[in-house]
């Protein structure tokens, strides 16, 4: 009798663990974004080309601050290598970021929308 209770308790515990494992992670923003950082431009060119290769019709190249020039380079390299890719729109803005000190800092940003 005690064995049946232990087995039942074990099954309940295992089913709880399975339920907890099925909780979905938060979804990434919808869209095909390539965020430009500190890597070389060709790494981001590969990311954009990969997005187009996976069937994306539109890819958005985003950058802030000092990475803006690299984002422009990436868009131009992609556009010059593949003549079917066109620059649809360019959006510029200023974002306010809080530094580690807690001070607000205004940072320029750019979005370049490429379409195939």
PDB file of N, CA and C in Angstrom:
ATOM      1  N   UNK A   1       0.817  -1.183   0.000  1.00  0.00           N
ATOM      2  CA  UNK A   1       0.000   0.000   0.000  1.00  0.00           C
ATOM      3  C   UNK A   1       0.867   1.255   0.000  1.00  0.00           C
ATOM      4  N   UNK A   2       1.917   1.240   0.814  1.00  0.00           N
ATOM      5  CA  UNK A   2       2.813   2.386   0.899  1.00  0.00           C
ATOM      6  C   UNK A   2       3.551   2.597  -0.417  1.00  0.00           C
ATOM      7  N   UNK A   3       3.854   1.479  -1.107  1.00  0.00           N
ATOM      8  CA  UNK A   3       4.535   1.576  -2.397  1.00  0.00           C
ATOM      9  C   UNK A   3       3.656   2.266  -3.433  1.00  0.00           C
ATOM     10  N   UNK A   4       2.349   1.979  -3.411  1.00  0.00           N
ATOM     11  CA  UNK A   4       1.418   2.600  -4.355  1.00  0.00           C
ATOM     12  C   UNK A   4       1.356   4.112  -4.128  1.00  0.00           C
ATOM     13  N   UNK A   5       1.346   4.538  -2.855  1.00  0.00           N
ATOM     14  CA  UNK A   5       1.303   5.968  -2.547  1.00  0.00           C
ATOM     15  C   UNK A   5       2.577   6.659  -3.024  1.00  0.00           C
ATOM     16  N   UNK A   6       3.745   5.998  -2.816  1.00  0.00           N
ATOM     17  CA  UNK A   6       5.014   6.567  -3.259  1.00  0.00           C
ATOM     18  C   UNK A   6       5.057   6.672  -4.777  1.00  0.00           C
ATOM     19  N   UNK A   7       4.562   5.635  -5.455  1.00  0.00           N
ATOM     20  CA  UNK A   7       4.541   5.642  -6.920  1.00  0.00           C
ATOM     21  C   UNK A   7       3.632   6.749  -7.423  1.00  0.00           C
ATOM     22  N   UNK A   8       2.453   6.865  -6.801  1.00  0.00           N
ATOM     23  CA  UNK A   8       1.496   7.914  -7.192  1.00  0.00           C
ATOM     24  C   UNK A   8       2.102   9.296  -6.953  1.00  0.00           C
ATOM     25  N   UNK A   9       2.754   9.497  -5.823  1.00  0.00           N
ATOM     26  CA  UNK A   9       3.390  10.769  -5.507  1.00  0.00           C
ATOM     27  C   UNK A   9       4.498  11.080  -6.506  1.00  0.00           C
ATOM     28  N   UNK A  10       5.237  10.068  -6.909  1.00  0.00           N
ATOM     29  CA  UNK A  10       6.317  10.239  -7.882  1.00  0.00           C
ATOM     30  C   UNK A  10       5.754  10.648  -9.242  1.00  0.00           C
ATOM     31  N   UNK A  11       4.626  10.011  -9.648  1.00  0.00           N
ATOM     32  CA  UNK A  11       3.983  10.346 -10.929  1.00  0.00           C
ATOM     33  C   UNK A  11       3.488  11.783 -10.922  1.00  0.00           C
ATOM     34  N   UNK A  12       2.892  12.208  -9.829  1.00  0.00           N
ATOM     35  CA  UNK A  12       2.393  13.582  -9.717  1.00  0.00           C
ATOM     36  C   UNK A  12       3.552  14.563  -9.809  1.00  0.00           C
ATOM     37  N   UNK A  13       4.648  14.245  -9.118  1.00  0.00           N
ATOM     38  CA  UNK A  13       5.822  15.121  -9.144  1.00  0.00           C
ATOM     39  C   UNK A  13       6.385  15.222 -10.560  1.00  0.00           C
ATOM     40  N   UNK A  14       6.476  14.076 -11.264  1.00  0.00           N
ATOM     41  CA  UNK A  14       6.992  14.078 -12.633  1.00  0.00           C
ATOM     42  C   UNK A  14       6.077  14.868 -13.565  1.00  0.00           C
ATOM     43  N   UNK A  15       4.759  14.742 -13.391  1.00  0.00           N
ATOM     44  CA  UNK A  15       3.837  15.477 -14.254  1.00  0.00           C
ATOM     45  C   UNK A  15       3.949  16.984 -14.014  1.00  0.00           C
ATOM     46  N   UNK A  16       4.212  17.397 -12.769  1.00  0.00           N
ATOM     47  CA  UNK A  16       4.419  18.822 -12.488  1.00  0.00           C
ATOM     48  C   UNK A  16       5.679  19.331 -13.175  1.00  0.00           C
ATOM     49  N   UNK A  17       6.745  18.501 -13.148  1.00  0.00           N
ATOM     50  CA  UNK A  17       7.986  18.901 -13.796  1.00  0.00           C
ATOM     51  C   UNK A  17       7.786  19.060 -15.299  1.00  0.00           C
ATOM     52  N   UNK A  18       7.002  18.171 -15.888  1.00  0.00           N
ATOM     53  CA  UNK A  18       6.741  18.252 -17.324  1.00  0.00           C
ATOM     54  C   UNK A  18       5.944  19.508 -17.638  1.00  0.00           C
ATOM     55  N   UNK A  19       4.954  19.823 -16.829  1.00  0.00           N
ATOM     56  CA  UNK A  19       4.147  21.029 -17.049  1.00  0.00           C
ATOM     57  C   UNK A  19       5.011  22.278 -16.954  1.00  0.00           C
ATOM     58  N   UNK A  20       5.920  22.305 -16.011  1.00  0.00           N
ATOM     59  CA  UNK A  20       6.792  23.459 -15.854  1.00  0.00           C
ATOM     60  C   UNK A  20       7.725  23.619 -17.044  1.00  0.00           C
ATOM     61  N   UNK A  21       8.158  22.512 -17.621  1.00  0.00           N
ATOM     62  CA  UNK A  21       9.071  22.570 -18.754  1.00  0.00           C
ATOM     63  C   UNK A  21       8.377  23.078 -20.012  1.00  0.00           C
ATOM     64  N   UNK A  22       7.046  22.971 -20.081  1.00  0.00           N
ATOM     65  CA  UNK A  22       6.310  23.379 -21.275  1.00  0.00           C
ATOM     66  C   UNK A  22       6.014  24.873 -21.325  1.00  0.00           C
ATOM     67  N   UNK A  23       6.390  25.620 -20.304  1.00  0.00           N
ATOM     68  CA  UNK A  23       6.167  27.066 -20.301  1.00  0.00           C
ATOM     69  C   UNK A  23       7.012  27.696 -21.403  1.00  0.00           C
ATOM     70  N   UNK A  24       6.362  28.480 -22.259  1.00  0.00           N
ATOM     71  CA  UNK A  24       7.060  29.055 -23.412  1.00  0.00           C
ATOM     72  C   UNK A  24       7.867  30.284 -23.018  1.00  0.00           C
ATOM     73  N   UNK A  25       8.988  30.444 -23.691  1.00  0.00           N
ATOM     74  CA  UNK A  25       9.829  31.621 -23.479  1.00  0.00           C
ATOM     75  C   UNK A  25       9.182  32.816 -24.172  1.00  0.00           C
ATOM     76  N   UNK A  26       9.472  34.035 -23.742  1.00  0.00           N
ATOM     77  CA  UNK A  26       8.905  35.208 -24.400  1.00  0.00           C
ATOM     78  C   UNK A  26       9.329  35.268 -25.868  1.00  0.00           C
ATOM     79  N   UNK A  27       8.436  35.718 -26.705  1.00  0.00           N
ATOM     80  CA  UNK A  27       8.690  35.799 -28.135  1.00  0.00           C
ATOM     81  C   UNK A  27       9.602  36.981 -28.455  1.00  0.00           C
ATOM     82  N   UNK A  28      10.448  36.791 -29.477  1.00  0.00           N
ATOM     83  CA  UNK A  28      11.290  37.880 -29.974  1.00  0.00           C
ATOM     84  C   UNK A  28      10.406  38.832 -30.773  1.00  0.00           C
ATOM     85  N   UNK A  29      10.846  40.061 -30.973  1.00  0.00           N
ATOM     86  CA  UNK A  29      10.044  40.983 -31.758  1.00  0.00           C
ATOM     87  C   UNK A  29       9.783  40.421 -33.153  1.00  0.00           C
ATOM     88  N   UNK A  30       8.563  40.656 -33.645  1.00  0.00           N
ATOM     89  CA  UNK A  30       8.206  40.147 -34.962  1.00  0.00           C
ATOM     90  C   UNK A  30       8.944  40.956 -36.010  1.00  0.00           C
ATOM     91  N   UNK A  31       9.544  40.277 -36.949  1.00  0.00           N
ATOM     92  CA  UNK A  31      10.258  40.946 -38.021  1.00  0.00           C
ATOM     93  C   UNK A  31      11.655  40.386 -38.183  1.00  0.00           C
ATOM     94  N   UNK A  32      12.272  40.753 -39.266  1.00  0.00           N
ATOM     95  CA  UNK A  32      13.618  40.289 -39.577  1.00  0.00           C
ATOM     96  C   UNK A  32      14.582  41.436 -39.307  1.00  0.00           C
ATOM     97  N   UNK A  33      15.147  41.440 -38.123  1.00  0.00           N
ATOM     98  CA  UNK A  33      16.056  42.496 -37.713  1.00  0.00           C
ATOM     99  C   UNK A  33      17.485  41.989 -37.692  1.00  0.00           C
ATOM    100  N   UNK A  34      18.420  42.860 -38.048  1.00  0.00           N
ATOM    101  CA  UNK A  34      19.842  42.596 -37.844  1.00  0.00           C
ATOM    102  C   UNK A  34      20.359  43.785 -37.055  1.00  0.00           C
ATOM    103  N   UNK A  35      20.769  43.535 -35.809  1.00  0.00           N
ATOM    104  CA  UNK A  35      21.284  44.595 -34.946  1.00  0.00           C
ATOM    105  C   UNK A  35      22.789  44.687 -35.125  1.00  0.00           C
ATOM    106  N   UNK A  36      23.264  45.857 -35.478  1.00  0.00           N
ATOM    107  CA  UNK A  36      24.684  46.074 -35.750  1.00  0.00           C
ATOM    108  C   UNK A  36      25.398  46.392 -34.438  1.00  0.00           C
ATOM    109  N   UNK A  37      26.529  45.726 -34.233  1.00  0.00           N
ATOM    110  CA  UNK A  37      27.323  45.940 -33.024  1.00  0.00           C
ATOM    111  C   UNK A  37      28.772  46.193 -33.378  1.00  0.00           C
ATOM    112  N   UNK A  38      29.666  45.511 -32.670  1.00  0.00           N
ATOM    113  CA  UNK A  38      31.099  45.781 -32.811  1.00  0.00           C
ATOM    114  C   UNK A  38      31.831  44.825 -33.748  1.00  0.00           C
ATOM    115  N   UNK A  39      31.151  43.813 -34.265  1.00  0.00           N
ATOM    116  CA  UNK A  39      31.806  42.871 -35.178  1.00  0.00           C
ATOM    117  C   UNK A  39      32.106  43.560 -36.504  1.00  0.00           C
ATOM    118  N   UNK A  40      32.831  42.871 -37.354  1.00  0.00           N
ATOM    119  CA  UNK A  40      33.127  43.405 -38.678  1.00  0.00           C
ATOM    120  C   UNK A  40      31.871  43.459 -39.544  1.00  0.00           C
ATOM    121  N   UNK A  41      31.882  44.320 -40.536  1.00  0.00           N
ATOM    122  CA  UNK A  41      30.715  44.523 -41.386  1.00  0.00           C
ATOM    123  C   UNK A  41      30.295  43.232 -42.088  1.00  0.00           C
ATOM    124  N   UNK A  42      31.262  42.410 -42.500  1.00  0.00           N
ATOM    125  CA  UNK A  42      30.930  41.211 -43.260  1.00  0.00           C
ATOM    126  C   UNK A  42      30.133  40.194 -42.423  1.00  0.00           C
ATOM    127  N   UNK A  43      30.286  40.201 -41.128  1.00  0.00           N
ATOM    128  CA  UNK A  43      29.494  39.315 -40.273  1.00  0.00           C
ATOM    129  C   UNK A  43      28.017  39.681 -40.367  1.00  0.00           C
ATOM    130  N   UNK A  44      27.736  40.982 -40.425  1.00  0.00           N
ATOM    131  CA  UNK A  44      26.357  41.446 -40.519  1.00  0.00           C
ATOM    132  C   UNK A  44      25.815  41.301 -41.938  1.00  0.00           C
ATOM    133  N   UNK A  45      26.690  41.436 -42.935  1.00  0.00           N
ATOM    134  CA  UNK A  45      26.280  41.192 -44.321  1.00  0.00           C
ATOM    135  C   UNK A  45      25.814  39.744 -44.435  1.00  0.00           C
ATOM    136  N   UNK A  46      26.560  38.826 -43.848  1.00  0.00           N
ATOM    137  CA  UNK A  46      26.186  37.416 -43.869  1.00  0.00           C
ATOM    138  C   UNK A  46      24.833  37.207 -43.181  1.00  0.00           C
ATOM    139  N   UNK A  47      24.608  37.902 -42.081  1.00  0.00           N
ATOM    140  CA  UNK A  47      23.324  37.785 -41.371  1.00  0.00           C
ATOM    141  C   UNK A  47      22.168  38.261 -42.242  1.00  0.00           C
ATOM    142  N   UNK A  48      22.352  39.367 -42.953  1.00  0.00           N
ATOM    143  CA  UNK A  48      21.301  39.893 -43.834  1.00  0.00           C
ATOM    144  C   UNK A  48      21.054  38.933 -44.992  1.00  0.00           C
ATOM    145  N   UNK A  49      22.119  38.459 -45.613  1.00  0.00           N
ATOM    146  CA  UNK A  49      21.997  37.536 -46.739  1.00  0.00           C
ATOM    147  C   UNK A  49      21.312  36.240 -46.280  1.00  0.00           C
ATOM    148  N   UNK A  50      21.630  35.787 -45.085  1.00  0.00           N
ATOM    149  CA  UNK A  50      21.002  34.589 -44.534  1.00  0.00           C
ATOM    150  C   UNK A  50      19.502  34.807 -44.341  1.00  0.00           C
ATOM    151  N   UNK A  51      19.124  35.978 -43.843  1.00  0.00           N
ATOM    152  CA  UNK A  51      17.697  36.296 -43.675  1.00  0.00           C
ATOM    153  C   UNK A  51      16.974  36.239 -45.014  1.00  0.00           C
ATOM    154  N   UNK A  52      17.568  36.839 -46.042  1.00  0.00           N
ATOM    155  CA  UNK A  52      16.958  36.800 -47.370  1.00  0.00           C
ATOM    156  C   UNK A  52      16.926  35.368 -47.896  1.00  0.00           C
ATOM    157  N   UNK A  53      17.966  34.609 -47.635  1.00  0.00           N
ATOM    158  CA  UNK A  53      18.028  33.224 -48.084  1.00  0.00           C
ATOM    159  C   UNK A  53      16.969  32.343 -47.439  1.00  0.00           C
ATOM    160  N   UNK A  54      16.537  32.712 -46.233  1.00  0.00           N
ATOM    161  CA  UNK A  54      15.509  31.947 -45.532  1.00  0.00           C
ATOM    162  C   UNK A  54      14.102  32.359 -45.970  1.00  0.00           C
ATOM    163  N   UNK A  55      14.020  33.255 -46.947  1.00  0.00           N
ATOM    164  CA  UNK A  55      12.715  33.623 -47.491  1.00  0.00           C
ATOM    165  C   UNK A  55      12.174  34.961 -47.043  1.00  0.00           C
ATOM    166  N   UNK A  56      12.938  35.711 -46.274  1.00  0.00           N
ATOM    167  CA  UNK A  56      12.467  37.025 -45.839  1.00  0.00           C
ATOM    168  C   UNK A  56      12.402  37.970 -47.035  1.00  0.00           C
ATOM    169  N   UNK A  57      11.326  38.715 -47.121  1.00  0.00           N
ATOM    170  CA  UNK A  57      11.177  39.697 -48.201  1.00  0.00           C
ATOM    171  C   UNK A  57      11.753  41.050 -47.796  1.00  0.00           C
ATOM    172  N   UNK A  58      11.840  41.264 -46.484  1.00  0.00           N
ATOM    173  CA  UNK A  58      12.289  42.551 -45.954  1.00  0.00           C
ATOM    174  C   UNK A  58      13.168  42.308 -44.730  1.00  0.00           C
ATOM    175  N   UNK A  59      14.286  43.023 -44.646  1.00  0.00           N
ATOM    176  CA  UNK A  59      15.194  42.928 -43.497  1.00  0.00           C
ATOM    177  C   UNK A  59      15.472  44.341 -43.007  1.00  0.00           C
ATOM    178  N   UNK A  60      15.422  44.521 -41.702  1.00  0.00           N
ATOM    179  CA  UNK A  60      15.677  45.829 -41.101  1.00  0.00           C
ATOM    180  C   UNK A  60      17.034  45.789 -40.405  1.00  0.00           C
ATOM    181  N   UNK A  61      17.929  46.665 -40.832  1.00  0.00           N
ATOM    182  CA  UNK A  61      19.262  46.790 -40.244  1.00  0.00           C
ATOM    183  C   UNK A  61      19.179  47.936 -39.236  1.00  0.00           C
ATOM    184  N   UNK A  62      19.472  47.634 -37.960  1.00  0.00           N
ATOM    185  CA  UNK A  62      19.368  48.637 -36.898  1.00  0.00           C
ATOM    186  C   UNK A  62      20.728  48.868 -36.256  1.00  0.00           C
ATOM    187  N   UNK A  63      21.001  50.125 -35.904  1.00  0.00           N
ATOM    188  CA  UNK A  63      22.254  50.456 -35.213  1.00  0.00           C
ATOM    189  C   UNK A  63      22.056  51.705 -34.369  1.00  0.00           C
ATOM    190  N   UNK A  64      22.933  51.850 -33.363  1.00  0.00           N
ATOM    191  CA  UNK A  64      22.938  53.048 -32.519  1.00  0.00           C
ATOM    192  C   UNK A  64      24.353  53.553 -32.372  1.00  0.00           C
ATOM    193  N   UNK A  65      24.462  54.859 -32.195  1.00  0.00           N
ATOM    194  CA  UNK A  65      25.750  55.474 -31.877  1.00  0.00           C
ATOM    195  C   UNK A  65      26.820  55.274 -32.926  1.00  0.00           C
ATOM    196  N   UNK A  66      27.978  54.813 -32.467  1.00  0.00           N
ATOM    197  CA  UNK A  66      29.140  54.658 -33.353  1.00  0.00           C
ATOM    198  C   UNK A  66      28.960  53.557 -34.387  1.00  0.00           C
ATOM    199  N   UNK A  67      27.969  52.692 -34.212  1.00  0.00           N
ATOM    200  CA  UNK A  67      27.737  51.591 -35.149  1.00  0.00           C
ATOM    201  C   UNK A  67      26.927  52.020 -36.372  1.00  0.00           C
ATOM    202  N   UNK A  68      26.470  53.257 -36.401  1.00  0.00           N
ATOM    203  CA  UNK A  68      25.638  53.723 -37.517  1.00  0.00           C
ATOM    204  C   UNK A  68      26.398  53.636 -38.837  1.00  0.00           C
ATOM    205  N   UNK A  69      27.652  54.036 -38.859  1.00  0.00           N
ATOM    206  CA  UNK A  69      28.414  53.976 -40.109  1.00  0.00           C
ATOM    207  C   UNK A  69      28.587  52.536 -40.579  1.00  0.00           C
ATOM    208  N   UNK A  70      28.723  51.609 -39.650  1.00  0.00           N
ATOM    209  CA  UNK A  70      28.842  50.192 -40.009  1.00  0.00           C
ATOM    210  C   UNK A  70      27.519  49.683 -40.601  1.00  0.00           C
ATOM    211  N   UNK A  71      26.387  50.162 -40.084  1.00  0.00           N
ATOM    212  CA  UNK A  71      25.082  49.769 -40.620  1.00  0.00           C
ATOM    213  C   UNK A  71      24.922  50.258 -42.060  1.00  0.00           C
ATOM    214  N   UNK A  72      25.378  51.471 -42.328  1.00  0.00           N
ATOM    215  CA  UNK A  72      25.327  52.003 -43.692  1.00  0.00           C
ATOM    216  C   UNK A  72      26.218  51.156 -44.602  1.00  0.00           C
ATOM    217  N   UNK A  73      27.403  50.804 -44.129  1.00  0.00           N
ATOM    218  CA  UNK A  73      28.310  49.945 -44.908  1.00  0.00           C
ATOM    219  C   UNK A  73      27.654  48.603 -45.222  1.00  0.00           C
ATOM    220  N   UNK A  74      27.007  47.997 -44.234  1.00  0.00           N
ATOM    221  CA  UNK A  74      26.351  46.706 -44.426  1.00  0.00           C
ATOM    222  C   UNK A  74      25.265  46.820 -45.488  1.00  0.00           C
ATOM    223  N   UNK A  75      24.423  47.834 -45.384  1.00  0.00           N
ATOM    224  CA  UNK A  75      23.345  48.011 -46.356  1.00  0.00           C
ATOM    225  C   UNK A  75      23.905  48.217 -47.770  1.00  0.00           C
ATOM    226  N   UNK A  76      24.952  48.992 -47.886  1.00  0.00           N
ATOM    227  CA  UNK A  76      25.547  49.247 -49.199  1.00  0.00           C
ATOM    228  C   UNK A  76      26.207  47.998 -49.779  1.00  0.00           C
ATOM    229  N   UNK A  77      26.892  47.230 -48.946  1.00  0.00           N
ATOM    230  CA  UNK A  77      27.534  46.004 -49.428  1.00  0.00           C
ATOM    231  C   UNK A  77      26.473  45.026 -49.931  1.00  0.00           C
ATOM    232  N   UNK A  78      25.399  44.857 -49.165  1.00  0.00           N
ATOM    233  CA  UNK A  78      24.328  43.944 -49.569  1.00  0.00           C
ATOM    234  C   UNK A  78      23.692  44.428 -50.866  1.00  0.00           C
ATOM    235  N   UNK A  79      23.427  45.709 -50.950  1.00  0.00           N
ATOM    236  CA  UNK A  79      22.780  46.284 -52.132  1.00  0.00           C
ATOM    237  C   UNK A  79      23.664  46.166 -53.374  1.00  0.00           C
ATOM    238  N   UNK A  80      24.971  46.355 -53.220  1.00  0.00           N
ATOM    239  CA  UNK A  80      25.880  46.270 -54.364  1.00  0.00           C
ATOM    240  C   UNK A  80      26.144  44.835 -54.804  1.00  0.00           C
ATOM    241  N   UNK A  81      26.097  43.890 -53.875  1.00  0.00           N
ATOM    242  CA  UNK A  81      26.332  42.485 -54.232  1.00  0.00           C
ATOM    243  C   UNK A  81      25.119  41.841 -54.879  1.00  0.00           C
ATOM    244  N   UNK A  82      23.926  42.247 -54.458  1.00  0.00           N
ATOM    245  CA  UNK A  82      22.695  41.663 -54.984  1.00  0.00           C
ATOM    246  C   UNK A  82      21.827  42.799 -55.525  1.00  0.00           C
ATOM    247  N   UNK A  83      21.724  42.871 -56.843  1.00  0.00           N
ATOM    248  CA  UNK A  83      21.005  43.994 -57.471  1.00  0.00           C
ATOM    249  C   UNK A  83      19.501  43.923 -57.254  1.00  0.00           C
ATOM    250  N   UNK A  84      18.984  42.791 -56.772  1.00  0.00           N
ATOM    251  CA  UNK A  84      17.540  42.709 -56.503  1.00  0.00           C
ATOM    252  C   UNK A  84      17.168  43.330 -55.158  1.00  0.00           C
ATOM    253  N   UNK A  85      18.161  43.630 -54.333  1.00  0.00           N
ATOM    254  CA  UNK A  85      17.904  44.240 -53.022  1.00  0.00           C
ATOM    255  C   UNK A  85      17.872  45.757 -53.177  1.00  0.00           C
ATOM    256  N   UNK A  86      16.816  46.361 -52.653  1.00  0.00           N
ATOM    257  CA  UNK A  86      16.645  47.810 -52.707  1.00  0.00           C
ATOM    258  C   UNK A  86      16.484  48.369 -51.299  1.00  0.00           C
ATOM    259  N   UNK A  87      16.919  49.604 -51.122  1.00  0.00           N
ATOM    260  CA  UNK A  87      16.698  50.295 -49.852  1.00  0.00           C
ATOM    261  C   UNK A  87      15.327  50.950 -49.947  1.00  0.00           C
ATOM    262  N   UNK A  88      14.409  50.505 -49.099  1.00  0.00           N
ATOM    263  CA  UNK A  88      13.037  51.001 -49.123  1.00  0.00           C
ATOM    264  C   UNK A  88      12.909  52.298 -48.327  1.00  0.00           C
ATOM    265  N   UNK A  89      13.493  52.307 -47.123  1.00  0.00           N
ATOM    266  CA  UNK A  89      13.309  53.452 -46.235  1.00  0.00           C
ATOM    267  C   UNK A  89      14.478  53.525 -45.261  1.00  0.00           C
ATOM    268  N   UNK A  90      14.750  54.711 -44.788  1.00  0.00           N
ATOM    269  CA  UNK A  90      15.757  54.936 -43.752  1.00  0.00           C
ATOM    270  C   UNK A  90      15.106  55.796 -42.684  1.00  0.00           C
ATOM    271  N   UNK A  91      15.108  55.309 -41.457  1.00  0.00           N
ATOM    272  CA  UNK A  91      14.533  56.051 -40.335  1.00  0.00           C
ATOM    273  C   UNK A  91      15.643  56.398 -39.352  1.00  0.00           C
ATOM    274  N   UNK A  92      15.698  57.643 -38.944  1.00  0.00           N
ATOM    275  CA  UNK A  92      16.669  58.060 -37.928  1.00  0.00           C
ATOM    276  C   UNK A  92      15.913  58.587 -36.721  1.00  0.00           C
ATOM    277  N   UNK A  93      16.512  58.415 -35.555  1.00  0.00           N
ATOM    278  CA  UNK A  93      15.872  58.893 -34.334  1.00  0.00           C
ATOM    279  C   UNK A  93      16.916  59.061 -33.247  1.00  0.00           C
ATOM    280  N   UNK A  94      16.474  59.597 -32.128  1.00  0.00           N
ATOM    281  CA  UNK A  94      17.320  59.726 -30.949  1.00  0.00           C
ATOM    282  C   UNK A  94      16.655  58.958 -29.826  1.00  0.00           C
ATOM    283  N   UNK A  95      17.397  58.052 -29.215  1.00  0.00           N
ATOM    284  CA  UNK A  95      16.883  57.270 -28.097  1.00  0.00           C
ATOM    285  C   UNK A  95      17.542  57.729 -26.816  1.00  0.00           C
ATOM    286  N   UNK A  96      16.790  57.717 -25.744  1.00  0.00           N
ATOM    287  CA  UNK A  96      17.349  58.090 -24.454  1.00  0.00           C
ATOM    288  C   UNK A  96      17.665  56.822 -23.673  1.00  0.00           C
ATOM    289  N   UNK A  97      18.928  56.667 -23.317  1.00  0.00           N
ATOM    290  CA  UNK A  97      19.402  55.487 -22.603  1.00  0.00           C
ATOM    291  C   UNK A  97      19.884  55.931 -21.229  1.00  0.00           C
ATOM    292  N   UNK A  98      19.649  55.094 -20.237  1.00  0.00           N
ATOM    293  CA  UNK A  98      20.120  55.395 -18.881  1.00  0.00           C
ATOM    294  C   UNK A  98      21.490  54.740 -18.701  1.00  0.00           C
ATOM    295  N   UNK A  99      22.495  55.536 -18.329  1.00  0.00           N
ATOM    296  CA  UNK A  99      23.845  55.011 -18.123  1.00  0.00           C
ATOM    297  C   UNK A  99      23.916  54.245 -16.808  1.00  0.00           C
ATOM    298  N   UNK A 100      25.062  53.615 -16.561  1.00  0.00           N
ATOM    299  CA  UNK A 100      25.243  52.874 -15.311  1.00  0.00           C
ATOM    300  C   UNK A 100      25.208  53.805 -14.108  1.00  0.00           C
ATOM    301  N   UNK A 101      25.554  55.068 -14.333  1.00  0.00           N
ATOM    302  CA  UNK A 101      25.515  56.057 -13.244  1.00  0.00           C
ATOM    303  C   UNK A 101      24.082  56.475 -12.928  1.00  0.00           C
ATOM    304  N   UNK A 102      23.145  56.147 -13.829  1.00  0.00           N
ATOM    305  CA  UNK A 102      21.758  56.564 -13.656  1.00  0.00           C
ATOM    306  C   UNK A 102      21.429  57.839 -14.403  1.00  0.00           C
ATOM    307  N   UNK A 103      22.388  58.354 -15.172  1.00  0.00           N
ATOM    308  CA  UNK A 103      22.148  59.580 -15.937  1.00  0.00           C
ATOM    309  C   UNK A 103      21.514  59.248 -17.290  1.00  0.00           C
ATOM    310  N   UNK A 104      20.621  60.100 -17.776  1.00  0.00           N
ATOM    311  CA  UNK A 104      20.075  59.879 -19.129  1.00  0.00           C
ATOM    312  C   UNK A 104      21.097  60.304 -20.185  1.00  0.00           C
ATOM    313  N   UNK A 105      21.168  59.547 -21.261  1.00  0.00           N
ATOM    314  CA  UNK A 105      22.094  59.833 -22.342  1.00  0.00           C
ATOM    315  C   UNK A 105      21.342  59.688 -23.657  1.00  0.00           C
ATOM    316  N   UNK A 106      21.458  60.674 -24.520  1.00  0.00           N
ATOM    317  CA  UNK A 106      20.779  60.613 -25.811  1.00  0.00           C
ATOM    318  C   UNK A 106      21.717  59.996 -26.841  1.00  0.00           C
ATOM    319  N   UNK A 107      21.212  58.971 -27.528  1.00  0.00           N
ATOM    320  CA  UNK A 107      22.005  58.237 -28.504  1.00  0.00           C
ATOM    321  C   UNK A 107      21.256  58.229 -29.834  1.00  0.00           C
ATOM    322  N   UNK A 108      21.960  58.551 -30.913  1.00  0.00           N
ATOM    323  CA  UNK A 108      21.358  58.511 -32.242  1.00  0.00           C
ATOM    324  C   UNK A 108      21.179  57.072 -32.675  1.00  0.00           C
ATOM    325  N   UNK A 109      20.132  56.816 -33.469  1.00  0.00           N
ATOM    326  CA  UNK A 109      19.917  55.467 -33.990  1.00  0.00           C
ATOM    327  C   UNK A 109      19.408  55.547 -35.426  1.00  0.00           C
ATOM    328  N   UNK A 110      19.575  54.435 -36.147  1.00  0.00           N
ATOM    329  CA  UNK A 110      19.165  54.371 -37.541  1.00  0.00           C
ATOM    330  C   UNK A 110      18.556  53.000 -37.821  1.00  0.00           C
ATOM    331  N   UNK A 111      17.557  52.991 -38.684  1.00  0.00           N
ATOM    332  CA  UNK A 111      16.970  51.766 -39.208  1.00  0.00           C
ATOM    333  C   UNK A 111      17.002  51.876 -40.721  1.00  0.00           C
ATOM    334  N   UNK A 112      17.601  50.878 -41.356  1.00  0.00           N
ATOM    335  CA  UNK A 112      17.645  50.843 -42.823  1.00  0.00           C
ATOM    336  C   UNK A 112      16.828  49.622 -43.240  1.00  0.00           C
ATOM    337  N   UNK A 113      15.771  49.860 -44.002  1.00  0.00           N
ATOM    338  CA  UNK A 113      14.878  48.784 -44.416  1.00  0.00           C
ATOM    339  C   UNK A 113      15.242  48.350 -45.827  1.00  0.00           C
ATOM    340  N   UNK A 114      15.658  47.084 -45.949  1.00  0.00           N
ATOM    341  CA  UNK A 114      16.050  46.515 -47.229  1.00  0.00           C
ATOM    342  C   UNK A 114      14.955  45.560 -47.700  1.00  0.00           C
ATOM    343  N   UNK A 115      14.651  45.586 -48.992  1.00  0.00           N
ATOM    344  CA  UNK A 115      13.617  44.708 -49.547  1.00  0.00           C
ATOM    345  C   UNK A 115      14.158  43.987 -50.754  1.00  0.00           C
ATOM    346  N   UNK A 116      13.812  42.717 -50.875  1.00  0.00           N
ATOM    347  CA  UNK A 116      14.248  41.921 -52.017  1.00  0.00           C
ATOM    348  C   UNK A 116      13.056  41.657 -52.908  1.00  0.00           C
TER     349      UNK A 116
END
